[in-house]
């Protein structure tokens, strides 16, 4: 039995999981993946495998049709985001598939909170200055009493809210479907983008859906409080990047911290690279040893169950 793994965090620890694959008498294929493989590459690879553990690759109908014509019998999307996977095609082709929900809300929330602190106190600029022989002392802002527009109130959003409240911040959560949480009674709920003009931070933790694509756009940023700080640990296309670039240029957005982008890796010619008050991640907020281990073990178990190897 052959298994294709295309998830970079899992591939980064693949030696840890070899014994588990061997237990199931499964041979693994480890392609060279920076962030994702292309459709053309997947069409060539997927049909030669019984199972596929998917990263953020374009798992399109074309790829699954090719897989079905070959030996693909089942797939698991590693992690929580599923916007890159055509589940409807899998249903029609009778390819069992699932994801691994609620795996790393705490880890991504840690990164979101780290970005809030970094943007508030400009620690990244201090670090850069000290490295270049300077001794700059930018005047930051305190977190206590500041307001956050938290876009997305699922597992990640709720975990982030707990950290924000511990910092004595006010949290306004935006999510049309996520329920309230009994342990977060002080979190206010609102319809997007109501009250965005009152907040000091906009933090996106939501998944990508047709309704969330570009929900942080030119109109919203123009309505926001001047000098707002923007953070995205959800999905890149939640933010209209040209609109964010324009708002950074004008000063309407004071600074931004982005773990995800509309195009990944971030193109070398992106204006964002030139802005001194931007912090960048590499779509890596969930990548801790602990989170990768538990998510990968669950993904392998789910895939093997589909393949009758429980």
C-alpha atoms as a PDB file:
ATOM      1  CA  UNK A   1       0.000   0.000   0.000  1.00  0.00           C
ATOM      2  CA  UNK A   2       1.402   3.390  -1.035  1.00  0.00           C
ATOM      3  CA  UNK A   3       0.644   6.667   0.734  1.00  0.00           C
ATOM      4  CA  UNK A   4       1.416  10.148  -0.615  1.00  0.00           C
ATOM      5  CA  UNK A   5       2.169  12.858   1.988  1.00  0.00           C
ATOM      6  CA  UNK A   6       2.216  16.480   0.770  1.00  0.00           C
ATOM      7  CA  UNK A   7       1.816  18.402   4.050  1.00  0.00           C
ATOM      8  CA  UNK A   8       5.013  20.383   4.830  1.00  0.00           C
ATOM      9  CA  UNK A   9       4.758  20.311   8.672  1.00  0.00           C
ATOM     10  CA  UNK A  10       4.231  16.549   8.616  1.00  0.00           C
ATOM     11  CA  UNK A  11       7.026  16.087   6.084  1.00  0.00           C
ATOM     12  CA  UNK A  12       9.326  18.057   8.369  1.00  0.00           C
ATOM     13  CA  UNK A  13       8.878  15.353  11.027  1.00  0.00           C
ATOM     14  CA  UNK A  14       8.329  12.390   8.726  1.00  0.00           C
ATOM     15  CA  UNK A  15      10.959  10.195  10.402  1.00  0.00           C
ATOM     16  CA  UNK A  16       8.844  10.281  13.561  1.00  0.00           C
ATOM     17  CA  UNK A  17       5.943   8.703  11.700  1.00  0.00           C
ATOM     18  CA  UNK A  18       7.778   6.042   9.687  1.00  0.00           C
ATOM     19  CA  UNK A  19       7.259   3.371  12.376  1.00  0.00           C
ATOM     20  CA  UNK A  20       3.522   4.067  12.333  1.00  0.00           C
ATOM     21  CA  UNK A  21       3.355   3.675   8.545  1.00  0.00           C
ATOM     22  CA  UNK A  22       5.439   0.507   8.813  1.00  0.00           C
ATOM     23  CA  UNK A  23       2.969  -0.851  11.360  1.00  0.00           C
ATOM     24  CA  UNK A  24       0.313  -0.590   8.669  1.00  0.00           C
ATOM     25  CA  UNK A  25       2.680  -2.042   6.039  1.00  0.00           C
ATOM     26  CA  UNK A  26       2.441   1.216   4.106  1.00  0.00           C
ATOM     27  CA  UNK A  27       5.107   2.723   1.859  1.00  0.00           C
ATOM     28  CA  UNK A  28       5.240   6.527   1.902  1.00  0.00           C
ATOM     29  CA  UNK A  29       6.147   8.890  -0.924  1.00  0.00           C
ATOM     30  CA  UNK A  30       7.861  12.115   0.162  1.00  0.00           C
ATOM     31  CA  UNK A  31       7.890  14.734  -2.615  1.00  0.00           C
ATOM     32  CA  UNK A  32       9.854  17.973  -2.469  1.00  0.00           C
ATOM     33  CA  UNK A  33       7.258  20.481  -1.221  1.00  0.00           C
ATOM     34  CA  UNK A  34       7.926  24.092  -0.179  1.00  0.00           C
ATOM     35  CA  UNK A  35       4.285  25.071   0.393  1.00  0.00           C
ATOM     36  CA  UNK A  36       2.182  23.181  -2.162  1.00  0.00           C
ATOM     37  CA  UNK A  37       2.497  21.053  -5.260  1.00  0.00           C
ATOM     38  CA  UNK A  38       0.867  22.175  -8.506  1.00  0.00           C
ATOM     39  CA  UNK A  39      -2.163  20.552 -10.105  1.00  0.00           C
ATOM     40  CA  UNK A  40       0.074  19.197 -12.861  1.00  0.00           C
ATOM     41  CA  UNK A  41       2.430  17.605 -10.315  1.00  0.00           C
ATOM     42  CA  UNK A  42      -0.458  16.129  -8.345  1.00  0.00           C
ATOM     43  CA  UNK A  43      -2.108  14.684 -11.446  1.00  0.00           C
ATOM     44  CA  UNK A  44       1.124  12.790 -12.058  1.00  0.00           C
ATOM     45  CA  UNK A  45       1.647  11.654  -8.444  1.00  0.00           C
ATOM     46  CA  UNK A  46      -1.747  10.961  -6.896  1.00  0.00           C
ATOM     47  CA  UNK A  47      -2.903   8.107  -9.193  1.00  0.00           C
ATOM     48  CA  UNK A  48       0.041   5.938  -8.078  1.00  0.00           C
ATOM     49  CA  UNK A  49      -1.057   5.951  -4.424  1.00  0.00           C
ATOM     50  CA  UNK A  50      -3.778   4.239  -2.403  1.00  0.00           C
ATOM     51  CA  UNK A  51      -4.032   7.104   0.077  1.00  0.00           C
ATOM     52  CA  UNK A  52      -3.157  10.781   0.213  1.00  0.00           C
ATOM     53  CA  UNK A  53      -2.523  13.026   3.230  1.00  0.00           C
ATOM     54  CA  UNK A  54      -3.180  16.482   1.794  1.00  0.00           C
ATOM     55  CA  UNK A  55      -1.563  19.747   2.834  1.00  0.00           C
ATOM     56  CA  UNK A  56      -2.646  23.075   1.319  1.00  0.00           C
ATOM     57  CA  UNK A  57      -2.284  21.685  -2.201  1.00  0.00           C
ATOM     58  CA  UNK A  58      -4.891  22.389  -4.893  1.00  0.00           C
ATOM     59  CA  UNK A  59      -6.861  19.176  -4.359  1.00  0.00           C
ATOM     60  CA  UNK A  60      -9.146  19.882  -7.295  1.00  0.00           C
ATOM     61  CA  UNK A  61     -11.657  17.789  -9.231  1.00  0.00           C
ATOM     62  CA  UNK A  62      -9.017  17.258 -11.918  1.00  0.00           C
ATOM     63  CA  UNK A  63      -6.621  15.795  -9.368  1.00  0.00           C
ATOM     64  CA  UNK A  64      -9.241  13.490  -7.845  1.00  0.00           C
ATOM     65  CA  UNK A  65     -10.457  12.329 -11.259  1.00  0.00           C
ATOM     66  CA  UNK A  66      -6.881  11.380 -12.090  1.00  0.00           C
ATOM     67  CA  UNK A  67      -6.542   9.668  -8.738  1.00  0.00           C
ATOM     68  CA  UNK A  68      -9.753   7.704  -9.190  1.00  0.00           C
ATOM     69  CA  UNK A  69      -8.580   6.564 -12.616  1.00  0.00           C
ATOM     70  CA  UNK A  70      -5.484   5.232 -10.882  1.00  0.00           C
ATOM     71  CA  UNK A  71      -5.364   3.546  -7.486  1.00  0.00           C
ATOM     72  CA  UNK A  72      -6.464   6.334  -5.107  1.00  0.00           C
ATOM     73  CA  UNK A  73      -8.943   4.945  -2.586  1.00  0.00           C
ATOM     74  CA  UNK A  74      -9.081   7.586   0.190  1.00  0.00           C
ATOM     75  CA  UNK A  75      -7.650  10.900   1.388  1.00  0.00           C
ATOM     76  CA  UNK A  76      -7.334  12.998   4.543  1.00  0.00           C
ATOM     77  CA  UNK A  77      -6.819  16.738   4.645  1.00  0.00           C
ATOM     78  CA  UNK A  78      -4.144  17.389   7.317  1.00  0.00           C
ATOM     79  CA  UNK A  79      -5.356  20.194   9.568  1.00  0.00           C
ATOM     80  CA  UNK A  80      -8.547  22.198   9.754  1.00  0.00           C
ATOM     81  CA  UNK A  81      -8.681  24.303   6.577  1.00  0.00           C
ATOM     82  CA  UNK A  82     -10.544  22.689   3.692  1.00  0.00           C
ATOM     83  CA  UNK A  83     -10.909  25.549   1.211  1.00  0.00           C
ATOM     84  CA  UNK A  84      -8.341  23.930  -1.103  1.00  0.00           C
ATOM     85  CA  UNK A  85     -10.168  20.576  -1.316  1.00  0.00           C
ATOM     86  CA  UNK A  86     -13.050  19.721  -3.658  1.00  0.00           C
ATOM     87  CA  UNK A  87     -15.122  17.606  -1.282  1.00  0.00           C
ATOM     88  CA  UNK A  88     -18.023  17.530  -3.729  1.00  0.00           C
ATOM     89  CA  UNK A  89     -15.824  15.882  -6.349  1.00  0.00           C
ATOM     90  CA  UNK A  90     -14.748  13.276  -3.787  1.00  0.00           C
ATOM     91  CA  UNK A  91     -18.379  12.561  -2.963  1.00  0.00           C
ATOM     92  CA  UNK A  92     -19.291  12.104  -6.627  1.00  0.00           C
ATOM     93  CA  UNK A  93     -16.218   9.943  -7.255  1.00  0.00           C
ATOM     94  CA  UNK A  94     -16.866   7.938  -4.070  1.00  0.00           C
ATOM     95  CA  UNK A  95     -13.463   8.743  -2.588  1.00  0.00           C
ATOM     96  CA  UNK A  96     -13.727   8.794   1.237  1.00  0.00           C
ATOM     97  CA  UNK A  97     -12.213  11.982   2.651  1.00  0.00           C
ATOM     98  CA  UNK A  98     -12.151  13.977   5.887  1.00  0.00           C
ATOM     99  CA  UNK A  99     -10.015  16.505   7.744  1.00  0.00           C
ATOM    100  CA  UNK A 100      -8.638  16.809  11.296  1.00  0.00           C
ATOM    101  CA  UNK A 101     -10.656  19.580  12.994  1.00  0.00           C
ATOM    102  CA  UNK A 102      -9.871  21.378  16.265  1.00  0.00           C
ATOM    103  CA  UNK A 103      -6.222  20.373  16.228  1.00  0.00           C
ATOM    104  CA  UNK A 104      -4.223  23.546  16.842  1.00  0.00           C
ATOM    105  CA  UNK A 105      -6.408  26.360  18.051  1.00  0.00           C
ATOM    106  CA  UNK A 106      -4.024  27.072  20.921  1.00  0.00           C
ATOM    107  CA  UNK A 107      -0.920  27.087  18.723  1.00  0.00           C
ATOM    108  CA  UNK A 108      -2.340  29.513  16.155  1.00  0.00           C
ATOM    109  CA  UNK A 109      -3.766  31.671  18.945  1.00  0.00           C
ATOM    110  CA  UNK A 110      -0.284  31.862  20.489  1.00  0.00           C
ATOM    111  CA  UNK A 111       1.056  33.272  17.212  1.00  0.00           C
ATOM    112  CA  UNK A 112      -1.839  35.733  16.941  1.00  0.00           C
ATOM    113  CA  UNK A 113      -1.158  36.993  20.456  1.00  0.00           C
ATOM    114  CA  UNK A 114       2.557  37.194  19.729  1.00  0.00           C
ATOM    115  CA  UNK A 115       1.802  39.361  16.704  1.00  0.00           C
ATOM    116  CA  UNK A 116      -0.441  41.620  18.789  1.00  0.00           C
ATOM    117  CA  UNK A 117       2.379  42.218  21.275  1.00  0.00           C
ATOM    118  CA  UNK A 118       4.938  42.715  18.500  1.00  0.00           C
ATOM    119  CA  UNK A 119       2.801  45.277  16.653  1.00  0.00           C
ATOM    120  CA  UNK A 120       1.838  47.069  19.853  1.00  0.00           C
ATOM    121  CA  UNK A 121       5.410  47.433  21.125  1.00  0.00           C
ATOM    122  CA  UNK A 122       7.235  47.368  17.748  1.00  0.00           C
ATOM    123  CA  UNK A 123       9.651  44.745  19.024  1.00  0.00           C
ATOM    124  CA  UNK A 124      10.534  43.740  15.459  1.00  0.00           C
ATOM    125  CA  UNK A 125      11.777  47.258  14.676  1.00  0.00           C
ATOM    126  CA  UNK A 126      13.794  47.394  17.868  1.00  0.00           C
ATOM    127  CA  UNK A 127      15.384  44.039  17.004  1.00  0.00           C
ATOM    128  CA  UNK A 128      16.247  45.231  13.505  1.00  0.00           C
ATOM    129  CA  UNK A 129      17.753  48.466  14.842  1.00  0.00           C
ATOM    130  CA  UNK A 130      19.899  46.761  17.466  1.00  0.00           C
ATOM    131  CA  UNK A 131      21.221  44.339  14.839  1.00  0.00           C
ATOM    132  CA  UNK A 132      22.286  47.355  12.759  1.00  0.00           C
ATOM    133  CA  UNK A 133      24.009  49.100  15.672  1.00  0.00           C
ATOM    134  CA  UNK A 134      21.136  51.423  16.590  1.00  0.00           C
ATOM    135  CA  UNK A 135      19.511  51.848  19.999  1.00  0.00           C
ATOM    136  CA  UNK A 136      16.011  52.952  18.971  1.00  0.00           C
ATOM    137  CA  UNK A 137      13.160  53.273  21.445  1.00  0.00           C
ATOM    138  CA  UNK A 138       9.863  53.421  19.540  1.00  0.00           C
ATOM    139  CA  UNK A 139       6.923  54.466  21.666  1.00  0.00           C
ATOM    140  CA  UNK A 140       4.393  51.632  21.516  1.00  0.00           C
ATOM    141  CA  UNK A 141       0.891  51.257  22.864  1.00  0.00           C
ATOM    142  CA  UNK A 142      -0.338  49.343  25.914  1.00  0.00           C
ATOM    143  CA  UNK A 143      -2.658  46.380  25.409  1.00  0.00           C
ATOM    144  CA  UNK A 144      -4.914  46.934  28.427  1.00  0.00           C
ATOM    145  CA  UNK A 145      -8.058  48.706  27.369  1.00  0.00           C
ATOM    146  CA  UNK A 146      -7.476  48.293  23.630  1.00  0.00           C
ATOM    147  CA  UNK A 147     -10.168  46.756  21.415  1.00  0.00           C
ATOM    148  CA  UNK A 148      -9.879  43.868  18.970  1.00  0.00           C
ATOM    149  CA  UNK A 149     -12.110  42.939  16.038  1.00  0.00           C
ATOM    150  CA  UNK A 150     -11.725  39.153  16.070  1.00  0.00           C
ATOM    151  CA  UNK A 151     -12.787  37.826  12.668  1.00  0.00           C
ATOM    152  CA  UNK A 152     -13.608  34.155  13.183  1.00  0.00           C
ATOM    153  CA  UNK A 153     -14.793  32.667  16.473  1.00  0.00           C
ATOM    154  CA  UNK A 154     -14.173  28.964  16.087  1.00  0.00           C
ATOM    155  CA  UNK A 155     -11.556  26.953  17.944  1.00  0.00           C
ATOM    156  CA  UNK A 156      -8.727  29.338  16.998  1.00  0.00           C
ATOM    157  CA  UNK A 157     -10.793  32.447  17.578  1.00  0.00           C
ATOM    158  CA  UNK A 158     -11.953  31.382  21.032  1.00  0.00           C
ATOM    159  CA  UNK A 159      -8.398  30.393  22.005  1.00  0.00           C
ATOM    160  CA  UNK A 160      -7.179  33.791  20.824  1.00  0.00           C
ATOM    161  CA  UNK A 161      -9.965  35.568  22.731  1.00  0.00           C
ATOM    162  CA  UNK A 162      -8.853  33.940  25.991  1.00  0.00           C
ATOM    163  CA  UNK A 163      -5.344  35.303  25.510  1.00  0.00           C
ATOM    164  CA  UNK A 164      -6.609  38.763  24.595  1.00  0.00           C
ATOM    165  CA  UNK A 165      -8.874  38.917  27.625  1.00  0.00           C
ATOM    166  CA  UNK A 166      -5.961  37.881  29.846  1.00  0.00           C
ATOM    167  CA  UNK A 167      -4.188  40.984  28.494  1.00  0.00           C
ATOM    168  CA  UNK A 168      -7.221  43.066  29.575  1.00  0.00           C
ATOM    169  CA  UNK A 169      -8.273  43.793  26.010  1.00  0.00           C
ATOM    170  CA  UNK A 170     -11.854  44.210  24.796  1.00  0.00           C
ATOM    171  CA  UNK A 171     -12.871  41.586  22.224  1.00  0.00           C
ATOM    172  CA  UNK A 172     -15.594  41.915  19.590  1.00  0.00           C
ATOM    173  CA  UNK A 173     -16.070  38.606  17.758  1.00  0.00           C
ATOM    174  CA  UNK A 174     -17.446  38.277  14.238  1.00  0.00           C
ATOM    175  CA  UNK A 175     -18.730  34.895  13.086  1.00  0.00           C
ATOM    176  CA  UNK A 176     -22.189  34.164  11.656  1.00  0.00           C
ATOM    177  CA  UNK A 177     -22.279  30.511  12.782  1.00  0.00           C
ATOM    178  CA  UNK A 178     -19.952  29.936  15.764  1.00  0.00           C
ATOM    179  CA  UNK A 179     -21.774  29.757  19.122  1.00  0.00           C
ATOM    180  CA  UNK A 180     -20.917  31.718  22.246  1.00  0.00           C
ATOM    181  CA  UNK A 181     -18.677  30.127  24.847  1.00  0.00           C
ATOM    182  CA  UNK A 182     -19.693  29.958  28.506  1.00  0.00           C
ATOM    183  CA  UNK A 183     -16.159  30.745  29.680  1.00  0.00           C
ATOM    184  CA  UNK A 184     -15.988  33.906  27.558  1.00  0.00           C
ATOM    185  CA  UNK A 185     -18.995  35.921  28.763  1.00  0.00           C
ATOM    186  CA  UNK A 186     -17.368  39.314  28.176  1.00  0.00           C
ATOM    187  CA  UNK A 187     -16.748  38.757  24.461  1.00  0.00           C
ATOM    188  CA  UNK A 188     -19.109  40.962  22.491  1.00  0.00           C
ATOM    189  CA  UNK A 189     -20.676  39.659  19.261  1.00  0.00           C
ATOM    190  CA  UNK A 190     -21.352  41.824  16.216  1.00  0.00           C
ATOM    191  CA  UNK A 191     -22.114  41.597  12.508  1.00  0.00           C
ATOM    192  CA  UNK A 192     -19.199  42.376  10.237  1.00  0.00           C
ATOM    193  CA  UNK A 193     -18.023  45.126   9.888  1.00  0.00           C
ATOM    194  CA  UNK A 194     -20.073  46.931  12.544  1.00  0.00           C
ATOM    195  CA  UNK A 195     -17.913  48.740  15.140  1.00  0.00           C
ATOM    196  CA  UNK A 196     -14.708  48.287  13.144  1.00  0.00           C
ATOM    197  CA  UNK A 197     -14.213  52.030  13.486  1.00  0.00           C
ATOM    198  CA  UNK A 198     -13.767  51.545  17.252  1.00  0.00           C
ATOM    199  CA  UNK A 199     -11.070  48.865  17.328  1.00  0.00           C
ATOM    200  CA  UNK A 200      -7.295  49.124  17.599  1.00  0.00           C
ATOM    201  CA  UNK A 201      -6.589  45.695  16.098  1.00  0.00           C
ATOM    202  CA  UNK A 202      -8.242  43.592  13.409  1.00  0.00           C
ATOM    203  CA  UNK A 203      -7.293  39.929  13.836  1.00  0.00           C
ATOM    204  CA  UNK A 204      -8.404  37.360  11.252  1.00  0.00           C
ATOM    205  CA  UNK A 205      -8.534  33.727  12.392  1.00  0.00           C
ATOM    206  CA  UNK A 206     -11.324  32.523  10.112  1.00  0.00           C
ATOM    207  CA  UNK A 207     -11.383  29.882   7.387  1.00  0.00           C
ATOM    208  CA  UNK A 208     -11.735  30.827   3.726  1.00  0.00           C
ATOM    209  CA  UNK A 209     -15.265  30.650   2.337  1.00  0.00           C
ATOM    210  CA  UNK A 210     -17.022  32.557  -0.442  1.00  0.00           C
ATOM    211  CA  UNK A 211     -18.365  34.989   2.163  1.00  0.00           C
ATOM    212  CA  UNK A 212     -15.012  35.517   3.929  1.00  0.00           C
ATOM    213  CA  UNK A 213     -12.948  36.126   0.780  1.00  0.00           C
ATOM    214  CA  UNK A 214     -11.741  39.764   0.825  1.00  0.00           C
ATOM    215  CA  UNK A 215     -13.963  40.583   3.801  1.00  0.00           C
ATOM    216  CA  UNK A 216     -11.124  42.858   4.947  1.00  0.00           C
ATOM    217  CA  UNK A 217     -11.146  45.155   1.933  1.00  0.00           C
ATOM    218  CA  UNK A 218     -10.728  48.796   0.957  1.00  0.00           C
ATOM    219  CA  UNK A 219     -14.180  49.779   2.230  1.00  0.00           C
ATOM    220  CA  UNK A 220     -13.620  48.139   5.614  1.00  0.00           C
ATOM    221  CA  UNK A 221     -10.110  49.557   6.029  1.00  0.00           C
ATOM    222  CA  UNK A 222     -11.341  53.053   5.149  1.00  0.00           C
ATOM    223  CA  UNK A 223     -14.023  52.718   7.823  1.00  0.00           C
ATOM    224  CA  UNK A 224     -11.556  51.471  10.432  1.00  0.00           C
ATOM    225  CA  UNK A 225      -9.960  53.636  13.098  1.00  0.00           C
ATOM    226  CA  UNK A 226      -6.939  55.496  11.645  1.00  0.00           C
ATOM    227  CA  UNK A 227      -3.766  53.692  12.655  1.00  0.00           C
ATOM    228  CA  UNK A 228      -5.417  50.295  13.093  1.00  0.00           C
ATOM    229  CA  UNK A 229      -3.100  47.278  13.258  1.00  0.00           C
ATOM    230  CA  UNK A 230      -4.028  44.257  11.089  1.00  0.00           C
ATOM    231  CA  UNK A 231      -3.166  40.592  11.752  1.00  0.00           C
ATOM    232  CA  UNK A 232      -3.989  37.531   9.647  1.00  0.00           C
ATOM    233  CA  UNK A 233      -3.433  33.971  10.884  1.00  0.00           C
ATOM    234  CA  UNK A 234      -6.427  32.544   8.995  1.00  0.00           C
ATOM    235  CA  UNK A 235      -6.241  32.346   5.222  1.00  0.00           C
ATOM    236  CA  UNK A 236      -4.511  34.810   2.891  1.00  0.00           C
ATOM    237  CA  UNK A 237      -7.482  35.743   0.675  1.00  0.00           C
ATOM    238  CA  UNK A 238      -9.511  36.890   3.686  1.00  0.00           C
ATOM    239  CA  UNK A 239      -7.608  40.159   3.154  1.00  0.00           C
ATOM    240  CA  UNK A 240      -7.633  42.053  -0.146  1.00  0.00           C
ATOM    241  CA  UNK A 241      -3.868  42.558  -0.298  1.00  0.00           C
ATOM    242  CA  UNK A 242      -3.849  45.517  -2.726  1.00  0.00           C
ATOM    243  CA  UNK A 243      -6.305  47.273  -0.401  1.00  0.00           C
ATOM    244  CA  UNK A 244      -4.060  46.526   2.587  1.00  0.00           C
ATOM    245  CA  UNK A 245      -1.021  47.805   0.686  1.00  0.00           C
ATOM    246  CA  UNK A 246      -2.807  51.070  -0.114  1.00  0.00           C
ATOM    247  CA  UNK A 247      -3.923  51.476   3.505  1.00  0.00           C
ATOM    248  CA  UNK A 248      -0.366  50.898   4.735  1.00  0.00           C
ATOM    249  CA  UNK A 249       0.962  53.462   2.257  1.00  0.00           C
ATOM    250  CA  UNK A 250      -1.564  56.068   3.400  1.00  0.00           C
ATOM    251  CA  UNK A 251      -1.059  55.332   7.103  1.00  0.00           C
ATOM    252  CA  UNK A 252      -4.691  54.322   7.617  1.00  0.00           C
ATOM    253  CA  UNK A 253      -3.282  50.943   8.669  1.00  0.00           C
ATOM    254  CA  UNK A 254      -0.305  51.562  10.953  1.00  0.00           C
ATOM    255  CA  UNK A 255       1.214  48.089  10.737  1.00  0.00           C
ATOM    256  CA  UNK A 256       0.416  44.501   9.795  1.00  0.00           C
ATOM    257  CA  UNK A 257       1.462  40.982  10.749  1.00  0.00           C
ATOM    258  CA  UNK A 258       0.675  38.293   8.191  1.00  0.00           C
ATOM    259  CA  UNK A 259       1.258  34.557   8.525  1.00  0.00           C
ATOM    260  CA  UNK A 260      -0.708  33.846   5.332  1.00  0.00           C
ATOM    261  CA  UNK A 261      -0.948  35.508   1.931  1.00  0.00           C
ATOM    262  CA  UNK A 262      -3.034  35.504  -1.221  1.00  0.00           C
ATOM    263  CA  UNK A 263      -0.082  33.966  -3.093  1.00  0.00           C
ATOM    264  CA  UNK A 264       2.283  31.701  -1.172  1.00  0.00           C
ATOM    265  CA  UNK A 265       5.216  31.945  -0.841  1.00  0.00           C
ATOM    266  CA  UNK A 266       4.959  35.760  -0.828  1.00  0.00           C
ATOM    267  CA  UNK A 267       6.201  37.007  -4.225  1.00  0.00           C
ATOM    268  CA  UNK A 268       9.559  38.761  -4.166  1.00  0.00           C
ATOM    269  CA  UNK A 269       8.080  41.842  -5.878  1.00  0.00           C
ATOM    270  CA  UNK A 270       5.285  42.290  -3.307  1.00  0.00           C
ATOM    271  CA  UNK A 271       5.044  45.853  -1.959  1.00  0.00           C
ATOM    272  CA  UNK A 272       4.485  44.384   1.486  1.00  0.00           C
ATOM    273  CA  UNK A 273       8.149  43.330   1.600  1.00  0.00           C
ATOM    274  CA  UNK A 274       9.209  46.972   1.403  1.00  0.00           C
ATOM    275  CA  UNK A 275       7.029  48.255   4.230  1.00  0.00           C
ATOM    276  CA  UNK A 276       9.014  48.712   7.430  1.00  0.00           C
ATOM    277  CA  UNK A 277       6.069  48.037   9.734  1.00  0.00           C
ATOM    278  CA  UNK A 278       5.102  44.601   8.427  1.00  0.00           C
ATOM    279  CA  UNK A 279       5.890  41.277  10.096  1.00  0.00           C
ATOM    280  CA  UNK A 280       5.769  38.121   8.009  1.00  0.00           C
ATOM    281  CA  UNK A 281       5.180  34.477   8.751  1.00  0.00           C
ATOM    282  CA  UNK A 282       5.392  31.537   6.379  1.00  0.00           C
ATOM    283  CA  UNK A 283       1.954  29.934   6.883  1.00  0.00           C
ATOM    284  CA  UNK A 284       3.517  28.299   9.912  1.00  0.00           C
ATOM    285  CA  UNK A 285       1.324  29.247  12.873  1.00  0.00           C
ATOM    286  CA  UNK A 286       0.256  25.670  13.619  1.00  0.00           C
ATOM    287  CA  UNK A 287       3.723  24.166  13.278  1.00  0.00           C
ATOM    288  CA  UNK A 288       4.871  22.978  16.693  1.00  0.00           C
ATOM    289  CA  UNK A 289       6.258  19.547  17.501  1.00  0.00           C
ATOM    290  CA  UNK A 290       3.280  18.821  19.740  1.00  0.00           C
ATOM    291  CA  UNK A 291       0.618  19.924  17.254  1.00  0.00           C
ATOM    292  CA  UNK A 292       2.225  18.206  14.270  1.00  0.00           C
ATOM    293  CA  UNK A 293       2.580  14.968  16.205  1.00  0.00           C
ATOM    294  CA  UNK A 294      -1.015  14.758  17.363  1.00  0.00           C
ATOM    295  CA  UNK A 295      -2.485  15.953  14.042  1.00  0.00           C
ATOM    296  CA  UNK A 296      -0.362  13.571  11.966  1.00  0.00           C
ATOM    297  CA  UNK A 297      -1.214  10.569  14.136  1.00  0.00           C
ATOM    298  CA  UNK A 298      -4.912  11.337  13.793  1.00  0.00           C
ATOM    299  CA  UNK A 299      -4.579  11.876  10.025  1.00  0.00           C
ATOM    300  CA  UNK A 300      -2.787   8.531   9.615  1.00  0.00           C
ATOM    301  CA  UNK A 301      -5.377   6.720  11.753  1.00  0.00           C
ATOM    302  CA  UNK A 302      -8.273   8.205   9.773  1.00  0.00           C
ATOM    303  CA  UNK A 303      -6.668   7.331   6.456  1.00  0.00           C
ATOM    304  CA  UNK A 304      -5.922   3.767   7.520  1.00  0.00           C
ATOM    305  CA  UNK A 305      -9.505   3.347   8.714  1.00  0.00           C
ATOM    306  CA  UNK A 306     -10.711   4.384   5.262  1.00  0.00           C
ATOM    307  CA  UNK A 307      -8.303   1.858   3.765  1.00  0.00           C
ATOM    308  CA  UNK A 308      -9.450  -0.952   6.023  1.00  0.00           C
ATOM    309  CA  UNK A 309      -6.219  -1.105   8.034  1.00  0.00           C
ATOM    310  CA  UNK A 310      -7.536  -0.250  11.508  1.00  0.00           C
END
